[in-house]
């Protein structure tokens, strides 16, 4: 078990519950989920992210500003270009788990459970 999960014993009275809810609200947008997934592959510029997620650079910049405010992404400037990256792996893990949960609602069995025959007989 990973060290950061071993000490996880937060209860309903944890001081972090409200902040955790704010993190979920920040991630409750399909474009932001796509941005987190894209940044999971590594640092990217706004224009590269915009192309990857299929949105305008202006829209992506607005989403990135919210993610930066929530301390989910950070920036690095190189001349006139700004590059974005994830602050840590936690947002990527949250998004990954949410996608896995979504697979449970659609696929039986979900693809992340391994190579099982799909409904139409092809390997997943």
Protein backbone atom coordinates (compact mmCIF):
# COMPACT_ATOMS: atom_id res chain seq x y z
CA UNK A 1 0.00 0.00 0.00
CA UNK A 2 1.24 3.47 -0.82
CA UNK A 3 2.49 5.59 2.05
CA UNK A 4 0.02 8.44 1.38
CA UNK A 5 -2.92 6.03 1.73
CA UNK A 6 -1.71 4.18 4.82
CA UNK A 7 -2.49 7.05 7.20
CA UNK A 8 -5.83 7.94 5.60
CA UNK A 9 -8.25 7.87 8.50
CA UNK A 10 -10.37 10.95 7.89
CA UNK A 11 -13.75 10.81 9.53
CA UNK A 12 -16.95 12.76 9.03
CA UNK A 13 -15.70 15.45 11.40
CA UNK A 14 -12.47 16.09 9.50
CA UNK A 15 -11.51 19.71 8.99
CA UNK A 16 -10.88 18.85 5.32
CA UNK A 17 -14.41 17.77 4.37
CA UNK A 18 -15.56 21.20 3.14
CA UNK A 19 -12.33 21.72 1.22
CA UNK A 20 -12.69 18.27 -0.34
CA UNK A 21 -16.18 19.25 -1.51
CA UNK A 22 -14.67 22.37 -3.12
CA UNK A 23 -12.15 20.18 -4.95
CA UNK A 24 -15.01 18.05 -6.29
CA UNK A 25 -16.84 21.18 -7.44
CA UNK A 26 -13.71 22.36 -9.26
CA UNK A 27 -13.48 19.00 -11.02
CA UNK A 28 -17.21 18.84 -11.82
CA UNK A 29 -16.76 20.04 -15.40
CA UNK A 30 -16.02 17.82 -18.42
CA UNK A 31 -13.47 20.27 -19.86
CA UNK A 32 -11.58 20.41 -16.57
CA UNK A 33 -11.62 16.62 -16.35
CA UNK A 34 -10.15 16.48 -19.86
CA UNK A 35 -7.51 19.07 -18.91
CA UNK A 36 -6.50 17.03 -15.85
CA UNK A 37 -6.25 13.88 -17.98
CA UNK A 38 -4.16 15.72 -20.57
CA UNK A 39 -1.86 17.19 -17.93
CA UNK A 40 -1.44 13.70 -16.50
CA UNK A 41 0.68 13.08 -19.59
CA UNK A 42 2.93 16.02 -18.72
CA UNK A 43 3.33 19.78 -18.91
CA UNK A 44 1.52 21.58 -21.75
CA UNK A 45 0.86 25.04 -23.07
CA UNK A 46 -2.62 26.54 -23.30
CA UNK A 47 -2.66 26.13 -27.08
CA UNK A 48 -1.65 22.46 -26.85
CA UNK A 49 -4.30 21.83 -24.18
CA UNK A 50 -6.92 23.64 -26.26
CA UNK A 51 -6.18 21.41 -29.23
CA UNK A 52 -6.19 18.28 -27.07
CA UNK A 53 -9.51 19.00 -25.35
CA UNK A 54 -11.20 20.56 -28.40
CA UNK A 55 -11.92 23.96 -26.86
CA UNK A 56 -10.76 27.49 -27.61
CA UNK A 57 -7.58 28.73 -25.92
CA UNK A 58 -9.70 31.40 -24.18
CA UNK A 59 -12.04 28.79 -22.69
CA UNK A 60 -9.12 26.59 -21.64
CA UNK A 61 -7.40 29.58 -20.03
CA UNK A 62 -10.52 30.28 -17.97
CA UNK A 63 -10.66 26.67 -16.78
CA UNK A 64 -6.95 26.69 -16.00
CA UNK A 65 -7.37 29.86 -13.94
CA UNK A 66 -9.94 28.07 -11.77
CA UNK A 67 -7.72 25.00 -11.45
CA UNK A 68 -4.79 27.23 -10.55
CA UNK A 69 -6.89 29.04 -7.94
CA UNK A 70 -7.71 25.63 -6.46
CA UNK A 71 -4.00 24.74 -6.42
CA UNK A 72 -4.56 21.80 -8.75
CA UNK A 73 -2.31 23.13 -11.52
CA UNK A 74 0.79 25.31 -11.53
CA UNK A 75 2.50 27.38 -14.18
CA UNK A 76 5.98 27.74 -15.57
CA UNK A 77 6.91 30.62 -17.82
CA UNK A 78 9.35 30.18 -20.69
CA UNK A 79 9.77 33.53 -22.42
CA UNK A 80 6.29 34.60 -23.46
CA UNK A 81 4.81 31.10 -23.23
CA UNK A 82 3.16 29.70 -20.11
CA UNK A 83 3.15 25.98 -19.45
CA UNK A 84 0.80 24.19 -17.08
CA UNK A 85 1.32 21.04 -15.05
CA UNK A 86 -0.40 19.23 -12.21
CA UNK A 87 0.71 20.23 -8.72
CA UNK A 88 0.67 16.57 -7.63
CA UNK A 89 -0.88 13.23 -8.61
CA UNK A 90 -3.98 13.54 -6.42
CA UNK A 91 -6.25 15.35 -8.91
CA UNK A 92 -5.22 12.89 -11.63
CA UNK A 93 -6.05 10.00 -9.27
CA UNK A 94 -9.46 11.51 -8.43
CA UNK A 95 -10.28 11.96 -12.11
CA UNK A 96 -9.07 8.45 -12.94
CA UNK A 97 -11.24 6.96 -10.19
CA UNK A 98 -14.24 8.98 -11.42
CA UNK A 99 -13.73 7.66 -14.96
CA UNK A 100 -13.48 4.13 -13.58
CA UNK A 101 -16.75 4.69 -11.71
CA UNK A 102 -18.34 5.95 -14.93
CA UNK A 103 -17.21 2.77 -16.70
CA UNK A 104 -19.16 0.76 -14.12
CA UNK A 105 -22.32 2.60 -15.14
CA UNK A 106 -21.80 1.79 -18.84
CA UNK A 107 -19.80 -1.42 -19.20
CA UNK A 108 -20.30 -4.84 -17.66
CA UNK A 109 -17.61 -5.66 -16.76
CA UNK A 110 -15.82 -2.29 -16.92
CA UNK A 111 -12.69 -2.15 -19.06
CA UNK A 112 -10.43 -1.23 -16.14
CA UNK A 113 -11.11 -4.64 -14.57
CA UNK A 114 -8.86 -6.23 -17.18
CA UNK A 115 -9.19 -8.04 -20.44
CA UNK A 116 -12.66 -9.57 -20.30
CA UNK A 117 -14.88 -10.32 -23.27
CA UNK A 118 -17.09 -7.36 -24.06
CA UNK A 119 -20.81 -7.66 -24.68
CA UNK A 120 -20.30 -8.21 -28.41
CA UNK A 121 -17.54 -10.80 -27.94
CA UNK A 122 -14.47 -8.65 -28.62
CA UNK A 123 -11.71 -8.40 -26.00
CA UNK A 124 -11.86 -5.12 -24.06
